[in-house]
N, C-alpha and C. Protein backbone atom coordinates (compact mmCIF):
# COMPACT_ATOMS: atom_id res chain seq x y z
N MET A 1 -145.36 -0.65 92.39
CA MET A 1 -146.75 -1.06 92.27
C MET A 1 -147.46 -0.04 91.37
N THR A 2 -148.33 -0.51 90.52
CA THR A 2 -149.03 0.33 89.57
C THR A 2 -150.18 1.05 90.24
N ALA A 3 -150.27 2.36 90.02
CA ALA A 3 -151.35 3.16 90.58
C ALA A 3 -152.65 2.89 89.82
N ILE A 4 -153.76 3.02 90.55
CA ILE A 4 -155.09 2.83 89.99
C ILE A 4 -155.84 4.14 90.12
N ASP A 5 -156.48 4.55 89.04
CA ASP A 5 -157.28 5.78 89.07
C ASP A 5 -158.64 5.48 89.68
N ILE A 6 -159.04 6.33 90.62
CA ILE A 6 -160.35 6.18 91.25
C ILE A 6 -161.10 7.50 91.22
N VAL A 7 -162.42 7.39 91.27
CA VAL A 7 -163.30 8.55 91.38
C VAL A 7 -164.22 8.27 92.58
N VAL A 8 -164.17 9.15 93.55
CA VAL A 8 -164.94 8.98 94.79
C VAL A 8 -165.66 10.29 95.07
N LYS A 9 -166.91 10.19 95.46
CA LYS A 9 -167.64 11.38 95.88
C LYS A 9 -167.39 11.53 97.38
N VAL A 10 -166.66 12.56 97.77
CA VAL A 10 -166.31 12.77 99.17
C VAL A 10 -166.99 14.04 99.65
N ASN A 11 -167.83 13.89 100.65
CA ASN A 11 -168.57 15.01 101.23
C ASN A 11 -169.32 15.80 100.15
N GLY A 12 -169.89 15.05 99.20
CA GLY A 12 -170.70 15.66 98.16
C GLY A 12 -169.95 16.17 96.95
N LYS A 13 -168.64 16.05 96.96
CA LYS A 13 -167.83 16.57 95.85
C LYS A 13 -167.05 15.43 95.20
N GLU A 14 -167.11 15.37 93.87
CA GLU A 14 -166.37 14.33 93.18
C GLU A 14 -164.88 14.58 93.29
N ARG A 15 -164.17 13.57 93.71
CA ARG A 15 -162.71 13.66 93.86
C ARG A 15 -162.08 12.53 93.07
N ARG A 16 -160.96 12.83 92.45
CA ARG A 16 -160.23 11.85 91.66
C ARG A 16 -158.86 11.65 92.27
N GLY A 17 -158.35 10.45 92.12
CA GLY A 17 -157.01 10.19 92.62
C GLY A 17 -156.39 9.01 91.90
N SER A 18 -155.10 8.98 91.89
CA SER A 18 -154.35 7.86 91.37
C SER A 18 -153.63 7.27 92.57
N VAL A 19 -154.05 6.08 92.96
CA VAL A 19 -153.58 5.52 94.23
C VAL A 19 -153.00 4.12 94.04
N GLU A 20 -152.07 3.78 94.91
CA GLU A 20 -151.57 2.42 94.94
C GLU A 20 -152.66 1.53 95.53
N PRO A 21 -152.78 0.31 95.06
CA PRO A 21 -153.85 -0.58 95.55
C PRO A 21 -153.82 -0.79 97.06
N ARG A 22 -152.69 -0.66 97.69
CA ARG A 22 -152.59 -0.91 99.13
C ARG A 22 -152.80 0.33 99.99
N LEU A 23 -153.07 1.49 99.36
CA LEU A 23 -153.28 2.73 100.13
C LEU A 23 -154.59 2.64 100.91
N LEU A 24 -154.51 2.85 102.20
CA LEU A 24 -155.71 2.80 103.04
C LEU A 24 -156.59 4.02 102.79
N LEU A 25 -157.89 3.83 102.97
CA LEU A 25 -158.82 4.94 102.81
C LEU A 25 -158.49 6.07 103.77
N SER A 26 -158.12 5.75 105.01
CA SER A 26 -157.76 6.80 105.97
C SER A 26 -156.60 7.64 105.47
N ASP A 27 -155.61 7.00 104.88
CA ASP A 27 -154.45 7.74 104.35
C ASP A 27 -154.83 8.54 103.12
N PHE A 28 -155.67 7.99 102.27
CA PHE A 28 -156.14 8.72 101.09
C PHE A 28 -156.86 10.00 101.51
N LEU A 29 -157.74 9.88 102.49
CA LEU A 29 -158.49 11.06 102.96
C LEU A 29 -157.56 12.10 103.57
N ARG A 30 -156.68 11.66 104.44
CA ARG A 30 -155.81 12.58 105.16
C ARG A 30 -154.70 13.17 104.28
N GLN A 31 -154.03 12.32 103.53
CA GLN A 31 -152.85 12.76 102.79
C GLN A 31 -153.17 13.25 101.38
N ASN A 32 -153.95 12.48 100.65
CA ASN A 32 -154.23 12.85 99.26
C ASN A 32 -155.28 13.94 99.14
N LEU A 33 -156.30 13.90 100.00
CA LEU A 33 -157.39 14.87 99.90
C LEU A 33 -157.31 15.98 100.94
N ASN A 34 -156.31 15.94 101.79
CA ASN A 34 -156.12 16.97 102.81
C ASN A 34 -157.35 17.13 103.71
N LEU A 35 -157.89 16.00 104.16
CA LEU A 35 -159.02 15.97 105.08
C LEU A 35 -158.55 15.32 106.38
N PRO A 36 -157.92 16.08 107.26
CA PRO A 36 -157.30 15.50 108.45
C PRO A 36 -158.26 15.18 109.59
N GLY A 37 -159.54 15.44 109.41
CA GLY A 37 -160.49 15.19 110.48
C GLY A 37 -160.64 13.72 110.83
N THR A 38 -160.44 12.85 109.86
CA THR A 38 -160.50 11.42 110.11
C THR A 38 -159.22 11.02 110.82
N HIS A 39 -159.33 10.69 112.08
CA HIS A 39 -158.14 10.35 112.87
C HIS A 39 -157.77 8.89 112.69
N VAL A 40 -156.50 8.61 112.86
CA VAL A 40 -156.00 7.23 112.79
C VAL A 40 -155.46 6.90 114.18
N GLY A 41 -156.06 5.92 114.81
CA GLY A 41 -155.65 5.54 116.16
C GLY A 41 -154.92 4.22 116.16
N CYS A 42 -155.67 3.15 116.21
CA CYS A 42 -155.07 1.82 116.39
C CYS A 42 -154.61 1.17 115.09
N GLU A 43 -155.15 1.59 113.98
CA GLU A 43 -154.87 1.00 112.67
C GLU A 43 -155.22 -0.48 112.59
N HIS A 44 -156.14 -0.92 113.46
CA HIS A 44 -156.61 -2.30 113.46
C HIS A 44 -158.14 -2.38 113.46
N GLY A 45 -158.82 -1.24 113.35
CA GLY A 45 -160.27 -1.23 113.34
C GLY A 45 -160.92 -1.37 114.69
N VAL A 46 -160.15 -1.24 115.76
CA VAL A 46 -160.67 -1.45 117.10
C VAL A 46 -161.19 -0.15 117.73
N CYS A 47 -160.48 0.96 117.54
CA CYS A 47 -160.78 2.18 118.31
C CYS A 47 -161.92 3.01 117.74
N GLY A 48 -162.13 3.00 116.43
CA GLY A 48 -163.23 3.75 115.84
C GLY A 48 -162.92 5.21 115.52
N CYS A 49 -161.71 5.68 115.80
CA CYS A 49 -161.36 7.07 115.51
C CYS A 49 -161.48 7.41 114.04
N CYS A 50 -161.30 6.42 113.19
CA CYS A 50 -161.26 6.64 111.75
C CYS A 50 -162.61 6.39 111.08
N THR A 51 -163.69 6.32 111.84
CA THR A 51 -164.99 6.00 111.28
C THR A 51 -165.47 7.07 110.31
N VAL A 52 -165.90 6.62 109.15
CA VAL A 52 -166.52 7.45 108.12
C VAL A 52 -167.74 6.69 107.62
N LEU A 53 -168.52 7.33 106.77
CA LEU A 53 -169.60 6.62 106.09
C LEU A 53 -169.12 6.31 104.68
N VAL A 54 -169.30 5.09 104.25
CA VAL A 54 -168.99 4.68 102.88
C VAL A 54 -170.26 4.09 102.30
N GLY A 55 -170.79 4.76 101.29
CA GLY A 55 -172.06 4.30 100.73
C GLY A 55 -173.18 4.38 101.73
N GLY A 56 -173.09 5.30 102.68
CA GLY A 56 -174.13 5.47 103.69
C GLY A 56 -174.03 4.53 104.87
N VAL A 57 -172.96 3.76 104.94
CA VAL A 57 -172.78 2.78 106.02
C VAL A 57 -171.49 3.12 106.77
N THR A 58 -171.52 3.06 108.10
CA THR A 58 -170.29 3.35 108.85
C THR A 58 -169.22 2.32 108.51
N ALA A 59 -168.00 2.82 108.41
CA ALA A 59 -166.87 1.94 108.07
C ALA A 59 -165.62 2.48 108.74
N ARG A 60 -164.73 1.57 109.09
CA ARG A 60 -163.42 1.93 109.63
C ARG A 60 -162.50 2.20 108.43
N SER A 61 -162.11 3.43 108.26
CA SER A 61 -161.31 3.78 107.09
C SER A 61 -159.90 3.21 107.15
N CYS A 62 -159.46 2.77 108.33
CA CYS A 62 -158.14 2.14 108.44
C CYS A 62 -158.16 0.68 108.00
N LEU A 63 -159.35 0.15 107.75
CA LEU A 63 -159.47 -1.24 107.31
C LEU A 63 -159.86 -1.38 105.85
N MET A 64 -160.04 -0.25 105.19
CA MET A 64 -160.44 -0.27 103.78
C MET A 64 -159.34 0.31 102.92
N PHE A 65 -159.24 -0.20 101.74
CA PHE A 65 -158.34 0.39 100.76
C PHE A 65 -159.10 1.47 100.01
N ALA A 66 -158.41 2.51 99.63
CA ALA A 66 -159.03 3.61 98.88
C ALA A 66 -159.68 3.10 97.60
N VAL A 67 -159.05 2.12 96.94
CA VAL A 67 -159.60 1.60 95.68
C VAL A 67 -160.97 0.95 95.88
N GLN A 68 -161.28 0.51 97.09
CA GLN A 68 -162.59 -0.09 97.35
C GLN A 68 -163.71 0.94 97.29
N THR A 69 -163.38 2.21 97.37
CA THR A 69 -164.40 3.25 97.37
C THR A 69 -164.64 3.84 95.98
N ASP A 70 -163.95 3.33 94.99
CA ASP A 70 -164.13 3.82 93.62
C ASP A 70 -165.61 3.74 93.24
N GLY A 71 -166.18 4.88 92.86
CA GLY A 71 -167.58 4.94 92.47
C GLY A 71 -168.55 5.09 93.63
N LEU A 72 -168.06 5.13 94.84
CA LEU A 72 -168.93 5.24 96.01
C LEU A 72 -168.90 6.65 96.60
N GLU A 73 -169.74 6.86 97.58
CA GLU A 73 -169.77 8.13 98.30
C GLU A 73 -169.19 7.93 99.68
N VAL A 74 -168.27 8.81 100.06
CA VAL A 74 -167.64 8.78 101.38
C VAL A 74 -168.00 10.08 102.10
N THR A 75 -168.43 9.95 103.34
CA THR A 75 -168.78 11.11 104.15
C THR A 75 -167.86 11.13 105.36
N THR A 76 -167.15 12.25 105.55
CA THR A 76 -166.23 12.39 106.67
C THR A 76 -166.75 13.44 107.64
N VAL A 77 -166.07 13.55 108.76
CA VAL A 77 -166.47 14.51 109.79
C VAL A 77 -166.45 15.95 109.26
N GLU A 78 -165.63 16.23 108.26
CA GLU A 78 -165.57 17.59 107.70
C GLU A 78 -166.90 18.01 107.07
N SER A 79 -167.76 17.04 106.76
CA SER A 79 -169.05 17.36 106.13
C SER A 79 -170.07 17.91 107.12
N LEU A 80 -169.82 17.75 108.41
CA LEU A 80 -170.84 18.09 109.40
C LEU A 80 -171.06 19.58 109.59
N GLY A 81 -170.02 20.36 109.68
CA GLY A 81 -170.20 21.77 109.96
C GLY A 81 -169.04 22.58 109.42
N LYS A 82 -169.20 23.85 109.50
CA LYS A 82 -168.16 24.77 109.04
C LYS A 82 -167.77 25.69 110.21
N VAL A 83 -166.63 26.31 110.07
CA VAL A 83 -166.20 27.27 111.09
C VAL A 83 -167.28 28.34 111.22
N GLY A 84 -167.73 28.57 112.43
CA GLY A 84 -168.77 29.56 112.68
C GLY A 84 -170.19 29.03 112.51
N HIS A 85 -170.32 27.81 112.02
CA HIS A 85 -171.65 27.21 111.84
C HIS A 85 -171.56 25.71 112.11
N MET A 86 -171.63 25.37 113.38
CA MET A 86 -171.50 23.96 113.76
C MET A 86 -172.79 23.20 113.47
N HIS A 87 -172.63 21.94 113.21
CA HIS A 87 -173.75 21.02 113.07
C HIS A 87 -174.36 20.83 114.46
N PRO A 88 -175.66 20.56 114.59
CA PRO A 88 -176.26 20.34 115.91
C PRO A 88 -175.56 19.26 116.73
N ILE A 89 -175.01 18.25 116.08
CA ILE A 89 -174.29 17.22 116.83
C ILE A 89 -173.02 17.82 117.43
N GLN A 90 -172.31 18.62 116.65
CA GLN A 90 -171.10 19.28 117.16
C GLN A 90 -171.44 20.24 118.28
N GLU A 91 -172.52 21.01 118.12
CA GLU A 91 -172.96 21.93 119.17
C GLU A 91 -173.21 21.17 120.47
N ALA A 92 -173.92 20.05 120.36
CA ALA A 92 -174.27 19.28 121.56
C ALA A 92 -173.02 18.70 122.23
N PHE A 93 -172.05 18.23 121.44
CA PHE A 93 -170.81 17.74 122.02
C PHE A 93 -170.09 18.87 122.76
N TRP A 94 -170.12 20.06 122.20
CA TRP A 94 -169.49 21.22 122.85
C TRP A 94 -170.22 21.56 124.15
N GLU A 95 -171.53 21.66 124.08
CA GLU A 95 -172.34 22.06 125.23
C GLU A 95 -172.34 21.04 126.36
N GLU A 96 -172.28 19.77 126.03
CA GLU A 96 -172.35 18.70 127.03
C GLU A 96 -170.98 18.14 127.40
N HIS A 97 -169.93 18.78 126.92
CA HIS A 97 -168.55 18.34 127.22
C HIS A 97 -168.33 16.89 126.80
N GLY A 98 -168.80 16.56 125.58
CA GLY A 98 -168.67 15.21 125.06
C GLY A 98 -167.31 14.92 124.45
N LEU A 99 -166.37 15.80 124.71
CA LEU A 99 -165.02 15.57 124.22
C LEU A 99 -164.04 16.06 125.26
N GLN A 100 -162.92 15.42 125.30
CA GLN A 100 -161.85 15.84 126.19
C GLN A 100 -160.64 16.13 125.31
N CYS A 101 -159.84 15.12 125.04
CA CYS A 101 -158.66 15.35 124.20
C CYS A 101 -159.07 15.53 122.74
N GLY A 102 -160.23 15.00 122.35
CA GLY A 102 -160.74 15.16 121.00
C GLY A 102 -160.30 14.11 120.02
N PHE A 103 -159.48 13.18 120.43
CA PHE A 103 -158.97 12.22 119.47
C PHE A 103 -160.06 11.29 118.95
N CYS A 104 -160.94 10.83 119.83
CA CYS A 104 -162.02 9.93 119.40
C CYS A 104 -163.20 10.68 118.79
N THR A 105 -163.23 11.99 118.95
CA THR A 105 -164.40 12.79 118.59
C THR A 105 -164.86 12.62 117.14
N PRO A 106 -163.98 12.64 116.14
CA PRO A 106 -164.50 12.47 114.77
C PRO A 106 -165.27 11.17 114.58
N GLY A 107 -164.75 10.09 115.13
CA GLY A 107 -165.45 8.81 115.03
C GLY A 107 -166.77 8.83 115.79
N MET A 108 -166.77 9.43 116.96
CA MET A 108 -168.00 9.54 117.75
C MET A 108 -169.04 10.38 117.01
N LEU A 109 -168.60 11.49 116.41
CA LEU A 109 -169.52 12.33 115.67
C LEU A 109 -170.14 11.58 114.49
N MET A 110 -169.32 10.77 113.83
CA MET A 110 -169.83 10.04 112.66
C MET A 110 -170.79 8.93 113.05
N VAL A 111 -170.54 8.22 114.16
CA VAL A 111 -171.50 7.20 114.57
C VAL A 111 -172.78 7.86 115.08
N ALA A 112 -172.66 9.03 115.71
CA ALA A 112 -173.84 9.77 116.13
C ALA A 112 -174.65 10.23 114.92
N TYR A 113 -173.97 10.75 113.91
CA TYR A 113 -174.63 11.18 112.68
C TYR A 113 -175.38 10.02 112.04
N ASP A 114 -174.71 8.88 111.95
CA ASP A 114 -175.34 7.70 111.36
C ASP A 114 -176.57 7.29 112.17
N LEU A 115 -176.43 7.20 113.48
CA LEU A 115 -177.56 6.82 114.32
C LEU A 115 -178.73 7.78 114.15
N LEU A 116 -178.45 9.08 114.26
CA LEU A 116 -179.54 10.05 114.23
C LEU A 116 -180.16 10.21 112.85
N SER A 117 -179.43 9.83 111.81
CA SER A 117 -180.04 9.86 110.48
C SER A 117 -181.01 8.70 110.30
N ARG A 118 -180.78 7.61 111.02
CA ARG A 118 -181.66 6.45 110.96
C ARG A 118 -182.75 6.48 112.04
N ASN A 119 -182.42 7.08 113.18
CA ASN A 119 -183.33 7.08 114.33
C ASN A 119 -183.24 8.44 115.02
N PRO A 120 -184.13 9.36 114.70
CA PRO A 120 -184.04 10.71 115.26
C PRO A 120 -184.37 10.82 116.75
N ASP A 121 -184.87 9.75 117.34
CA ASP A 121 -185.24 9.78 118.76
C ASP A 121 -184.78 8.51 119.47
N PRO A 122 -183.46 8.31 119.54
CA PRO A 122 -182.96 7.07 120.16
C PRO A 122 -183.08 7.09 121.67
N THR A 123 -183.14 5.91 122.24
CA THR A 123 -183.12 5.78 123.70
C THR A 123 -181.66 5.86 124.15
N GLU A 124 -181.47 6.05 125.44
CA GLU A 124 -180.11 6.06 125.98
C GLU A 124 -179.43 4.72 125.71
N GLU A 125 -180.17 3.64 125.83
CA GLU A 125 -179.60 2.31 125.58
C GLU A 125 -179.14 2.17 124.13
N GLN A 126 -179.90 2.69 123.18
CA GLN A 126 -179.51 2.63 121.77
C GLN A 126 -178.24 3.46 121.53
N VAL A 127 -178.15 4.60 122.17
CA VAL A 127 -176.95 5.43 122.03
C VAL A 127 -175.75 4.70 122.62
N ARG A 128 -175.93 4.12 123.80
CA ARG A 128 -174.83 3.36 124.42
C ARG A 128 -174.33 2.24 123.50
N GLU A 129 -175.26 1.55 122.88
CA GLU A 129 -174.90 0.46 121.97
C GLU A 129 -174.05 0.98 120.80
N VAL A 130 -174.45 2.09 120.22
CA VAL A 130 -173.73 2.64 119.06
C VAL A 130 -172.34 3.11 119.44
N VAL A 131 -172.19 3.79 120.56
CA VAL A 131 -170.86 4.30 120.92
C VAL A 131 -169.96 3.23 121.53
N SER A 132 -170.52 2.08 121.85
CA SER A 132 -169.71 1.04 122.49
C SER A 132 -168.62 0.50 121.57
N ASP A 133 -168.74 0.71 120.29
CA ASP A 133 -167.73 0.25 119.34
C ASP A 133 -166.58 1.24 119.17
N ASN A 134 -166.69 2.41 119.77
CA ASN A 134 -165.64 3.43 119.66
C ASN A 134 -165.00 3.63 121.03
N LEU A 135 -163.69 3.64 121.05
CA LEU A 135 -162.98 3.80 122.32
C LEU A 135 -162.73 5.26 122.64
N CYS A 136 -163.00 5.62 123.88
CA CYS A 136 -162.66 6.94 124.41
C CYS A 136 -161.92 6.70 125.72
N ARG A 137 -160.77 7.32 125.85
CA ARG A 137 -159.98 7.10 127.06
C ARG A 137 -160.09 8.25 128.04
N CYS A 138 -160.94 9.23 127.71
CA CYS A 138 -160.98 10.43 128.56
C CYS A 138 -162.30 10.63 129.31
N THR A 139 -163.43 10.48 128.64
CA THR A 139 -164.69 10.96 129.21
C THR A 139 -165.48 9.96 130.02
N GLY A 140 -165.23 8.68 129.85
CA GLY A 140 -166.08 7.70 130.53
C GLY A 140 -167.42 7.54 129.85
N TYR A 141 -167.61 8.10 128.68
CA TYR A 141 -168.76 7.93 127.78
C TYR A 141 -170.03 8.66 128.19
N GLN A 142 -170.26 8.95 129.46
CA GLN A 142 -171.54 9.53 129.84
C GLN A 142 -171.78 10.88 129.15
N ASN A 143 -170.76 11.72 129.08
CA ASN A 143 -170.94 13.01 128.40
C ASN A 143 -171.15 12.84 126.90
N ILE A 144 -170.57 11.82 126.32
CA ILE A 144 -170.79 11.53 124.91
C ILE A 144 -172.24 11.11 124.69
N ILE A 145 -172.73 10.25 125.55
CA ILE A 145 -174.12 9.80 125.47
C ILE A 145 -175.06 10.97 125.65
N ASN A 146 -174.79 11.81 126.66
CA ASN A 146 -175.61 13.00 126.88
C ASN A 146 -175.58 13.91 125.65
N SER A 147 -174.43 14.02 125.02
CA SER A 147 -174.28 14.88 123.84
C SER A 147 -175.16 14.39 122.70
N ILE A 148 -175.15 13.09 122.46
CA ILE A 148 -175.93 12.54 121.36
C ILE A 148 -177.42 12.68 121.64
N LEU A 149 -177.83 12.45 122.87
CA LEU A 149 -179.24 12.64 123.23
C LEU A 149 -179.65 14.10 123.09
N LYS A 150 -178.77 15.02 123.46
CA LYS A 150 -179.08 16.44 123.31
C LYS A 150 -179.15 16.81 121.83
N ALA A 151 -178.24 16.27 121.02
CA ALA A 151 -178.27 16.53 119.58
C ALA A 151 -179.59 16.04 118.99
N SER A 152 -180.04 14.89 119.44
CA SER A 152 -181.31 14.35 118.97
C SER A 152 -182.45 15.33 119.28
N ALA A 153 -182.47 15.85 120.50
CA ALA A 153 -183.51 16.81 120.89
C ALA A 153 -183.40 18.10 120.08
N LYS A 154 -182.18 18.59 119.88
CA LYS A 154 -181.98 19.81 119.09
C LYS A 154 -182.54 19.64 117.67
N MET A 155 -182.27 18.51 117.10
CA MET A 155 -182.70 18.29 115.72
C MET A 155 -184.20 18.09 115.62
N ARG A 156 -184.78 17.48 116.61
CA ARG A 156 -186.24 17.34 116.63
C ARG A 156 -186.91 18.69 116.82
N ASP A 157 -186.22 19.61 117.50
CA ASP A 157 -186.78 20.93 117.78
C ASP A 157 -186.49 21.93 116.66
N GLY A 158 -186.14 21.45 115.48
CA GLY A 158 -186.03 22.37 114.37
C GLY A 158 -184.74 22.37 113.61
N LYS A 159 -183.67 21.87 114.18
CA LYS A 159 -182.41 21.82 113.44
C LYS A 159 -182.35 20.45 112.78
N LYS A 160 -182.70 20.42 111.53
CA LYS A 160 -182.80 19.16 110.81
C LYS A 160 -181.43 18.58 110.47
N LEU A 161 -181.36 17.28 110.45
CA LEU A 161 -180.17 16.55 110.06
C LEU A 161 -180.27 16.27 108.57
N ALA A 162 -179.24 16.63 107.84
CA ALA A 162 -179.22 16.32 106.42
C ALA A 162 -179.32 14.82 106.26
N PRO A 163 -180.06 14.35 105.26
CA PRO A 163 -180.20 12.91 105.08
C PRO A 163 -178.85 12.27 104.81
N ALA A 164 -178.69 11.07 105.34
CA ALA A 164 -177.45 10.33 105.10
C ALA A 164 -177.39 9.95 103.64
N PRO A 165 -176.18 9.84 103.11
CA PRO A 165 -176.05 9.39 101.72
C PRO A 165 -176.74 8.06 101.54
N SER A 166 -177.21 7.80 100.32
CA SER A 166 -177.92 6.56 100.05
C SER A 166 -177.02 5.36 100.28
N LYS A 167 -177.63 4.29 100.73
CA LYS A 167 -176.90 3.06 100.98
C LYS A 167 -176.48 2.46 99.64
N GLN A 168 -175.20 2.19 99.50
CA GLN A 168 -174.67 1.57 98.28
C GLN A 168 -173.92 0.33 98.70
N GLY A 169 -173.76 -0.59 97.77
CA GLY A 169 -173.00 -1.80 98.06
C GLY A 169 -171.57 -1.45 98.42
N VAL A 170 -171.09 -2.00 99.51
CA VAL A 170 -169.73 -1.75 99.97
C VAL A 170 -169.02 -3.08 100.12
N ALA A 171 -167.90 -3.19 99.46
CA ALA A 171 -167.08 -4.40 99.61
C ALA A 171 -165.99 -4.10 100.63
N ALA A 172 -166.08 -4.73 101.78
CA ALA A 172 -165.08 -4.46 102.82
C ALA A 172 -164.19 -5.65 103.02
């Protein structure tokens, strides 16, 4: 199969790659760009572990081909914080025990980031709705919900959330 050259802005940095048309975005991120934070769970778009933002919109990276992101911006969990300097959402997940095994955590963090970038003061019901699309087999969701609500409060109290990338047309 003939490789296709793509240019994708990933976590604010332009990245180039030559990929086969059938290469999944999740595999491109993990294998080609060495960004292992995006987890691959079900590979059917059901679990949400692989959630990233594509053009400012949440997307299951296991359901997209890397070539579909040519010219777009992709935001992964690696964009949230650095070693020694966690993002307020990460801090809240740590403080509220919003993770157990950690497998679903990257997807949960990304849906939380998306929600809080659009709605800095969500209700518990709104948070429940957003996380309902991501599967967690460990926590029972309450600590995840508490984490997102705490992150919301942290950010309102001075720790600002970087604006989400601009919404761009996404062909899924």
